[in-house]
Amino acid sequence: MRSRSNTGQPHRGPATKPAIYAQFDIENYWRIEPDPLRVTTYHLGTAYEEISAGDRLLVSEPFDVDIELTELLPRWARRT
């Protein structure tokens, strides 16, 4: 999702996206970082709260997911 700053330039970033998501009542979002490989899950209450963080995506909302993030990588990119 892209938004524009007050200068009219595209503005993207982890600090602004939660506010945009909250504005549209997106209750859950996941942020995946590639290096080091990590996922952080957030849930919207009165503000977004960090639910979990690590190299495994294990959530029950909005649906059940249990994924080891390294399984999403091609074999050549997996660290042993």
PDB file of N, CA and C in Angstrom:
ATOM      1  N   MET A   1       0.854  -1.160   0.000  1.00  0.00           N
ATOM      2  CA  MET A   1       0.000   0.000   0.000  1.00  0.00           C
ATOM      3  C   MET A   1       0.898   1.220   0.000  1.00  0.00           C
ATOM      4  N   ARG A   2       0.574   2.173  -0.815  1.00  0.00           N
ATOM      5  CA  ARG A   2       1.370   3.387  -0.884  1.00  0.00           C
ATOM      6  C   ARG A   2       0.506   4.559  -0.445  1.00  0.00           C
ATOM      7  N   SER A   3       1.107   5.438   0.289  1.00  0.00           N
ATOM      8  CA  SER A   3       0.428   6.667   0.673  1.00  0.00           C
ATOM      9  C   SER A   3       1.330   7.818   0.248  1.00  0.00           C
ATOM     10  N   ARG A   4       0.846   9.018   0.357  1.00  0.00           N
ATOM     11  CA  ARG A   4       1.649  10.180  -0.014  1.00  0.00           C
ATOM     12  C   ARG A   4       1.895  11.031   1.219  1.00  0.00           C
ATOM     13  N   SER A   5       3.109  11.536   1.299  1.00  0.00           N
ATOM     14  CA  SER A   5       3.438  12.418   2.415  1.00  0.00           C
ATOM     15  C   SER A   5       2.814  13.777   2.156  1.00  0.00           C
ATOM     16  N   ASN A   6       2.960  14.687   3.099  1.00  0.00           N
ATOM     17  CA  ASN A   6       2.384  16.019   2.928  1.00  0.00           C
ATOM     18  C   ASN A   6       3.093  16.811   1.834  1.00  0.00           C
ATOM     19  N   THR A   7       4.221  16.291   1.308  1.00  0.00           N
ATOM     20  CA  THR A   7       4.903  16.938   0.190  1.00  0.00           C
ATOM     21  C   THR A   7       4.414  16.391  -1.144  1.00  0.00           C
ATOM     22  N   GLY A   8       3.517  15.422  -1.110  1.00  0.00           N
ATOM     23  CA  GLY A   8       3.000  14.832  -2.326  1.00  0.00           C
ATOM     24  C   GLY A   8       3.835  13.674  -2.836  1.00  0.00           C
ATOM     25  N   GLN A   9       4.935  13.380  -2.158  1.00  0.00           N
ATOM     26  CA  GLN A   9       5.807  12.276  -2.556  1.00  0.00           C
ATOM     27  C   GLN A   9       5.296  10.972  -1.947  1.00  0.00           C
ATOM     28  N   PRO A  10       5.484   9.886  -2.668  1.00  0.00           N
ATOM     29  CA  PRO A  10       5.092   8.591  -2.077  1.00  0.00           C
ATOM     30  C   PRO A  10       5.819   8.369  -0.767  1.00  0.00           C
ATOM     31  N   HIS A  11       5.111   7.847   0.206  1.00  0.00           N
ATOM     32  CA  HIS A  11       5.700   7.600   1.522  1.00  0.00           C
ATOM     33  C   HIS A  11       5.284   6.220   1.973  1.00  0.00           C
ATOM     34  N   ARG A  12       6.262   5.386   2.230  1.00  0.00           N
ATOM     35  CA  ARG A  12       5.974   4.038   2.705  1.00  0.00           C
ATOM     36  C   ARG A  12       6.857   3.769   3.900  1.00  0.00           C
ATOM     37  N   GLY A  13       6.365   2.992   4.790  1.00  0.00           N
ATOM     38  CA  GLY A  13       7.211   2.627   5.905  1.00  0.00           C
ATOM     39  C   GLY A  13       6.437   1.932   6.988  1.00  0.00           C
ATOM     40  N   PRO A  14       7.175   1.190   7.825  1.00  0.00           N
ATOM     41  CA  PRO A  14       6.515   0.445   8.889  1.00  0.00           C
ATOM     42  C   PRO A  14       5.825   1.325   9.914  1.00  0.00           C
ATOM     43  N   ALA A  15       6.269   2.559  10.069  1.00  0.00           N
ATOM     44  CA  ALA A  15       5.647   3.441  11.063  1.00  0.00           C
ATOM     45  C   ALA A  15       4.306   3.984  10.578  1.00  0.00           C
ATOM     46  N   THR A  16       4.133   4.151   9.279  1.00  0.00           N
ATOM     47  CA  THR A  16       2.897   4.727   8.761  1.00  0.00           C
ATOM     48  C   THR A  16       1.851   3.683   8.390  1.00  0.00           C
ATOM     49  N   LYS A  17       2.282   2.494   8.012  1.00  0.00           N
ATOM     50  CA  LYS A  17       1.326   1.476   7.581  1.00  0.00           C
ATOM     51  C   LYS A  17       0.335   1.081   8.674  1.00  0.00           C
ATOM     52  N   PRO A  18       0.755   0.880   9.924  1.00  0.00           N
ATOM     53  CA  PRO A  18      -0.244   0.531  10.946  1.00  0.00           C
ATOM     54  C   PRO A  18      -1.369   1.557  11.065  1.00  0.00           C
ATOM     55  N   ALA A  19      -1.060   2.819  10.936  1.00  0.00           N
ATOM     56  CA  ALA A  19      -2.104   3.850  11.018  1.00  0.00           C
ATOM     57  C   ALA A  19      -3.083   3.726   9.854  1.00  0.00           C
ATOM     58  N   ILE A  20      -2.561   3.438   8.684  1.00  0.00           N
ATOM     59  CA  ILE A  20      -3.427   3.258   7.509  1.00  0.00           C
ATOM     60  C   ILE A  20      -4.275   2.007   7.677  1.00  0.00           C
ATOM     61  N   TYR A  21      -3.667   0.918   8.122  1.00  0.00           N
ATOM     62  CA  TYR A  21      -4.413  -0.323   8.332  1.00  0.00           C
ATOM     63  C   TYR A  21      -5.516  -0.129   9.378  1.00  0.00           C
ATOM     64  N   ALA A  22      -5.201   0.554  10.462  1.00  0.00           N
ATOM     65  CA  ALA A  22      -6.193   0.801  11.514  1.00  0.00           C
ATOM     66  C   ALA A  22      -7.343   1.653  10.992  1.00  0.00           C
ATOM     67  N   GLN A  23      -7.026   2.615  10.153  1.00  0.00           N
ATOM     68  CA  GLN A  23      -8.059   3.484   9.578  1.00  0.00           C
ATOM     69  C   GLN A  23      -9.094   2.664   8.807  1.00  0.00           C
ATOM     70  N   PHE A  24      -8.651   1.561   8.211  1.00  0.00           N
ATOM     71  CA  PHE A  24      -9.542   0.711   7.431  1.00  0.00           C
ATOM     72  C   PHE A  24      -9.956  -0.549   8.195  1.00  0.00           C
ATOM     73  N   ASP A  25      -9.763  -0.536   9.530  1.00  0.00           N
ATOM     74  CA  ASP A  25     -10.187  -1.625  10.416  1.00  0.00           C
ATOM     75  C   ASP A  25      -9.612  -2.994  10.037  1.00  0.00           C
ATOM     76  N   ILE A  26      -8.377  -3.017   9.603  1.00  0.00           N
ATOM     77  CA  ILE A  26      -7.696  -4.283   9.343  1.00  0.00           C
ATOM     78  C   ILE A  26      -7.234  -4.805  10.692  1.00  0.00           C
ATOM     79  N   GLU A  27      -7.859  -5.881  11.155  1.00  0.00           N
ATOM     80  CA  GLU A  27      -7.646  -6.350  12.524  1.00  0.00           C
ATOM     81  C   GLU A  27      -6.310  -7.048  12.739  1.00  0.00           C
ATOM     82  N   ASN A  28      -5.816  -7.745  11.730  1.00  0.00           N
ATOM     83  CA  ASN A  28      -4.572  -8.507  11.869  1.00  0.00           C
ATOM     84  C   ASN A  28      -3.662  -8.211  10.695  1.00  0.00           C
ATOM     85  N   TYR A  29      -2.379  -8.074  10.979  1.00  0.00           N
ATOM     86  CA  TYR A  29      -1.416  -8.045   9.889  1.00  0.00           C
ATOM     87  C   TYR A  29      -0.117  -8.668  10.346  1.00  0.00           C
ATOM     88  N   TRP A  30       0.618  -9.156   9.352  1.00  0.00           N
ATOM     89  CA  TRP A  30       1.881  -9.843   9.615  1.00  0.00           C
ATOM     90  C   TRP A  30       2.972  -9.101   8.876  1.00  0.00           C
ATOM     91  N   ARG A  31       4.070  -8.902   9.550  1.00  0.00           N
ATOM     92  CA  ARG A  31       5.208  -8.222   8.935  1.00  0.00           C
ATOM     93  C   ARG A  31       6.359  -9.223   8.850  1.00  0.00           C
ATOM     94  N   ILE A  32       6.799  -9.511   7.630  1.00  0.00           N
ATOM     95  CA  ILE A  32       7.880 -10.470   7.414  1.00  0.00           C
ATOM     96  C   ILE A  32       9.113  -9.718   6.962  1.00  0.00           C
ATOM     97  N   GLU A  33      10.193  -9.914   7.702  1.00  0.00           N
ATOM     98  CA  GLU A  33      11.478  -9.299   7.392  1.00  0.00           C
ATOM     99  C   GLU A  33      12.380 -10.372   6.794  1.00  0.00           C
ATOM    100  N   PRO A  34      13.095 -10.051   5.706  1.00  0.00           N
ATOM    101  CA  PRO A  34      13.907 -11.070   5.051  1.00  0.00           C
ATOM    102  C   PRO A  34      15.277 -11.344   5.684  1.00  0.00           C
ATOM    103  N   ASP A  35      15.867 -10.362   6.356  1.00  0.00           N
ATOM    104  CA  ASP A  35      17.222 -10.580   6.870  1.00  0.00           C
ATOM    105  C   ASP A  35      17.420  -9.862   8.191  1.00  0.00           C
ATOM    106  N   PRO A  36      17.412 -10.555   9.294  1.00  0.00           N
ATOM    107  CA  PRO A  36      17.223 -11.991   9.388  1.00  0.00           C
ATOM    108  C   PRO A  36      15.748 -12.340   9.190  1.00  0.00           C
ATOM    109  N   LEU A  37      15.513 -13.533   8.697  1.00  0.00           N
ATOM    110  CA  LEU A  37      14.160 -13.988   8.420  1.00  0.00           C
ATOM    111  C   LEU A  37      13.362 -14.021   9.718  1.00  0.00           C
ATOM    112  N   ARG A  38      12.270 -13.238   9.748  1.00  0.00           N
ATOM    113  CA  ARG A  38      11.506 -13.057  10.977  1.00  0.00           C
ATOM    114  C   ARG A  38      10.103 -12.582  10.621  1.00  0.00           C
ATOM    115  N   VAL A  39       9.132 -13.012  11.393  1.00  0.00           N
ATOM    116  CA  VAL A  39       7.762 -12.538  11.224  1.00  0.00           C
ATOM    117  C   VAL A  39       7.294 -11.951  12.546  1.00  0.00           C
ATOM    118  N   THR A  40       6.569 -10.849  12.455  1.00  0.00           N
ATOM    119  CA  THR A  40       5.931 -10.248  13.623  1.00  0.00           C
ATOM    120  C   THR A  40       4.451 -10.123  13.302  1.00  0.00           C
ATOM    121  N   THR A  41       3.605 -10.616  14.195  1.00  0.00           N
ATOM    122  CA  THR A  41       2.164 -10.548  13.967  1.00  0.00           C
ATOM    123  C   THR A  41       1.559  -9.495  14.885  1.00  0.00           C
ATOM    124  N   TYR A  42       0.575  -8.790  14.362  1.00  0.00           N
ATOM    125  CA  TYR A  42      -0.075  -7.712  15.103  1.00  0.00           C
ATOM    126  C   TYR A  42      -1.583  -7.896  15.064  1.00  0.00           C
ATOM    127  N   HIS A  43      -2.230  -7.470  16.145  1.00  0.00           N
ATOM    128  CA  HIS A  43      -3.693  -7.508  16.241  1.00  0.00           C
ATOM    129  C   HIS A  43      -4.175  -6.137  16.702  1.00  0.00           C
ATOM    130  N   LEU A  44      -5.245  -5.657  16.090  1.00  0.00           N
ATOM    131  CA  LEU A  44      -5.800  -4.347  16.411  1.00  0.00           C
ATOM    132  C   LEU A  44      -6.800  -4.448  17.544  1.00  0.00           C
ATOM    133  N   GLY A  45      -6.482  -3.802  18.661  1.00  0.00           N
ATOM    134  CA  GLY A  45      -7.417  -3.627  19.767  1.00  0.00           C
ATOM    135  C   GLY A  45      -7.728  -2.136  19.763  1.00  0.00           C
ATOM    136  N   THR A  46      -7.354  -1.447  20.838  1.00  0.00           N
ATOM    137  CA  THR A  46      -7.429   0.019  20.813  1.00  0.00           C
ATOM    138  C   THR A  46      -6.253   0.575  20.018  1.00  0.00           C
ATOM    139  N   ALA A  47      -5.186  -0.211  19.901  1.00  0.00           N
ATOM    140  CA  ALA A  47      -4.021   0.065  19.061  1.00  0.00           C
ATOM    141  C   ALA A  47      -3.468  -1.290  18.647  1.00  0.00           C
ATOM    142  N   TYR A  48      -2.565  -1.301  17.693  1.00  0.00           N
ATOM    143  CA  TYR A  48      -1.976  -2.585  17.313  1.00  0.00           C
ATOM    144  C   TYR A  48      -1.068  -3.079  18.418  1.00  0.00           C
ATOM    145  N   GLU A  49      -1.216  -4.359  18.735  1.00  0.00           N
ATOM    146  CA  GLU A  49      -0.378  -5.002  19.737  1.00  0.00           C
ATOM    147  C   GLU A  49       0.420  -6.105  19.064  1.00  0.00           C
ATOM    148  N   GLU A  50       1.706  -6.206  19.419  1.00  0.00           N
ATOM    149  CA  GLU A  50       2.520  -7.290  18.895  1.00  0.00           C
ATOM    150  C   GLU A  50       2.087  -8.581  19.576  1.00  0.00           C
ATOM    151  N   ILE A  51       1.716  -9.575  18.782  1.00  0.00           N
ATOM    152  CA  ILE A  51       1.239 -10.846  19.315  1.00  0.00           C
ATOM    153  C   ILE A  51       2.378 -11.852  19.408  1.00  0.00           C
ATOM    154  N   SER A  52       3.181 -11.932  18.378  1.00  0.00           N
ATOM    155  CA  SER A  52       4.304 -12.858  18.400  1.00  0.00           C
ATOM    156  C   SER A  52       5.377 -12.375  17.443  1.00  0.00           C
ATOM    157  N   ALA A  53       6.571 -12.884  17.649  1.00  0.00           N
ATOM    158  CA  ALA A  53       7.678 -12.556  16.758  1.00  0.00           C
ATOM    159  C   ALA A  53       8.631 -13.739  16.749  1.00  0.00           C
ATOM    160  N   GLY A  54       9.217 -14.008  15.616  1.00  0.00           N
ATOM    161  CA  GLY A  54      10.176 -15.084  15.521  1.00  0.00           C
ATOM    162  C   GLY A  54      10.266 -15.623  14.113  1.00  0.00           C
ATOM    163  N   ASP A  55      10.853 -16.804  13.968  1.00  0.00           N
ATOM    164  CA  ASP A  55      11.031 -17.378  12.642  1.00  0.00           C
ATOM    165  C   ASP A  55       9.965 -18.419  12.302  1.00  0.00           C
ATOM    166  N   ARG A  56       8.904 -18.448  13.098  1.00  0.00           N
ATOM    167  CA  ARG A  56       7.774 -19.345  12.845  1.00  0.00           C
ATOM    168  C   ARG A  56       6.494 -18.522  12.922  1.00  0.00           C
ATOM    169  N   LEU A  57       5.636 -18.682  11.939  1.00  0.00           N
ATOM    170  CA  LEU A  57       4.338 -18.017  11.937  1.00  0.00           C
ATOM    171  C   LEU A  57       3.328 -18.978  12.524  1.00  0.00           C
ATOM    172  N   LEU A  58       2.876 -18.685  13.732  1.00  0.00           N
ATOM    173  CA  LEU A  58       1.923 -19.538  14.442  1.00  0.00           C
ATOM    174  C   LEU A  58       0.829 -18.638  14.998  1.00  0.00           C
ATOM    175  N   VAL A  59      -0.310 -18.611  14.315  1.00  0.00           N
ATOM    176  CA  VAL A  59      -1.434 -17.763  14.721  1.00  0.00           C
ATOM    177  C   VAL A  59      -2.739 -18.543  14.612  1.00  0.00           C
ATOM    178  N   SER A  60      -3.751 -18.070  15.319  1.00  0.00           N
ATOM    179  CA  SER A  60      -5.075 -18.669  15.220  1.00  0.00           C
ATOM    180  C   SER A  60      -6.111 -17.673  14.696  1.00  0.00           C
ATOM    181  N   GLU A  61      -5.717 -16.423  14.531  1.00  0.00           N
ATOM    182  CA  GLU A  61      -6.618 -15.403  13.984  1.00  0.00           C
ATOM    183  C   GLU A  61      -5.916 -14.681  12.857  1.00  0.00           C
ATOM    184  N   PRO A  62      -6.550 -14.378  11.785  1.00  0.00           N
ATOM    185  CA  PRO A  62      -7.958 -14.614  11.482  1.00  0.00           C
ATOM    186  C   PRO A  62      -8.249 -16.062  11.101  1.00  0.00           C
ATOM    187  N   PHE A  63      -7.209 -16.891  10.958  1.00  0.00           N
ATOM    188  CA  PHE A  63      -7.373 -18.324  10.709  1.00  0.00           C
ATOM    189  C   PHE A  63      -6.104 -19.016  11.191  1.00  0.00           C
ATOM    190  N   ASP A  64      -6.178 -20.331  11.329  1.00  0.00           N
ATOM    191  CA  ASP A  64      -5.024 -21.084  11.825  1.00  0.00           C
ATOM    192  C   ASP A  64      -3.911 -21.146  10.790  1.00  0.00           C
ATOM    193  N   VAL A  65      -2.711 -20.769  11.220  1.00  0.00           N
ATOM    194  CA  VAL A  65      -1.520 -20.850  10.378  1.00  0.00           C
ATOM    195  C   VAL A  65      -0.368 -21.313  11.255  1.00  0.00           C
ATOM    196  N   ASP A  66       0.390 -22.271  10.763  1.00  0.00           N
ATOM    197  CA  ASP A  66       1.593 -22.740  11.442  1.00  0.00           C
ATOM    198  C   ASP A  66       2.631 -23.038  10.361  1.00  0.00           C
ATOM    199  N   ILE A  67       3.540 -22.093  10.140  1.00  0.00           N
ATOM    200  CA  ILE A  67       4.526 -22.219   9.071  1.00  0.00           C
ATOM    201  C   ILE A  67       5.902 -21.857   9.610  1.00  0.00           C
ATOM    202  N   GLU A  68       6.859 -22.708   9.358  1.00  0.00           N
ATOM    203  CA  GLU A  68       8.260 -22.403   9.600  1.00  0.00           C
ATOM    204  C   GLU A  68       8.694 -21.546   8.411  1.00  0.00           C
ATOM    205  N   LEU A  69       9.115 -20.317   8.640  1.00  0.00           N
ATOM    206  CA  LEU A  69       9.393 -19.398   7.543  1.00  0.00           C
ATOM    207  C   LEU A  69      10.446 -19.925   6.576  1.00  0.00           C
ATOM    208  N   THR A  70      11.411 -20.663   7.066  1.00  0.00           N
ATOM    209  CA  THR A  70      12.434 -21.182   6.163  1.00  0.00           C
ATOM    210  C   THR A  70      11.840 -22.122   5.116  1.00  0.00           C
ATOM    211  N   GLU A  71      10.677 -22.714   5.412  1.00  0.00           N
ATOM    212  CA  GLU A  71      10.019 -23.595   4.443  1.00  0.00           C
ATOM    213  C   GLU A  71       9.511 -22.816   3.231  1.00  0.00           C
ATOM    214  N   LEU A  72       9.385 -21.505   3.359  1.00  0.00           N
ATOM    215  CA  LEU A  72       8.924 -20.680   2.243  1.00  0.00           C
ATOM    216  C   LEU A  72      10.062 -20.307   1.296  1.00  0.00           C
ATOM    217  N   LEU A  73      11.294 -20.504   1.745  1.00  0.00           N
ATOM    218  CA  LEU A  73      12.459 -20.145   0.947  1.00  0.00           C
ATOM    219  C   LEU A  73      12.846 -21.278   0.005  1.00  0.00           C
ATOM    220  N   PRO A  74      13.469 -20.947  -1.126  1.00  0.00           N
ATOM    221  CA  PRO A  74      14.018 -22.015  -1.957  1.00  0.00           C
ATOM    222  C   PRO A  74      15.133 -22.723  -1.194  1.00  0.00           C
ATOM    223  N   ARG A  75      15.363 -23.967  -1.490  1.00  0.00           N
ATOM    224  CA  ARG A  75      16.357 -24.746  -0.735  1.00  0.00           C
ATOM    225  C   ARG A  75      17.727 -24.087  -0.710  1.00  0.00           C
ATOM    226  N   TRP A  76      18.141 -23.463  -1.807  1.00  0.00           N
ATOM    227  CA  TRP A  76      19.470 -22.863  -1.854  1.00  0.00           C
ATOM    228  C   TRP A  76      19.593 -21.690  -0.881  1.00  0.00           C
ATOM    229  N   ALA A  77      18.467 -21.093  -0.498  1.00  0.00           N
ATOM    230  CA  ALA A  77      18.514 -19.913   0.378  1.00  0.00           C
ATOM    231  C   ALA A  77      18.358 -20.255   1.854  1.00  0.00           C
ATOM    232  N   ARG A  78      18.082 -21.500   2.152  1.00  0.00           N
ATOM    233  CA  ARG A  78      17.888 -21.905   3.541  1.00  0.00           C
ATOM    234  C   ARG A  78      19.222 -22.033   4.248  1.00  0.00           C
ATOM    235  N   ARG A  79      19.269 -21.511   5.460  1.00  0.00           N
ATOM    236  CA  ARG A  79      20.464 -21.645   6.274  1.00  0.00           C
ATOM    237  C   ARG A  79      20.419 -22.984   6.985  1.00  0.00           C
ATOM    238  N   THR A  80      21.549 -23.637   7.081  1.00  0.00           N
ATOM    239  CA  THR A  80      21.572 -24.936   7.750  1.00  0.00           C
ATOM    240  C   THR A  80      22.255 -24.834   9.093  1.00  0.00           C
TER     241      THR A  80
END
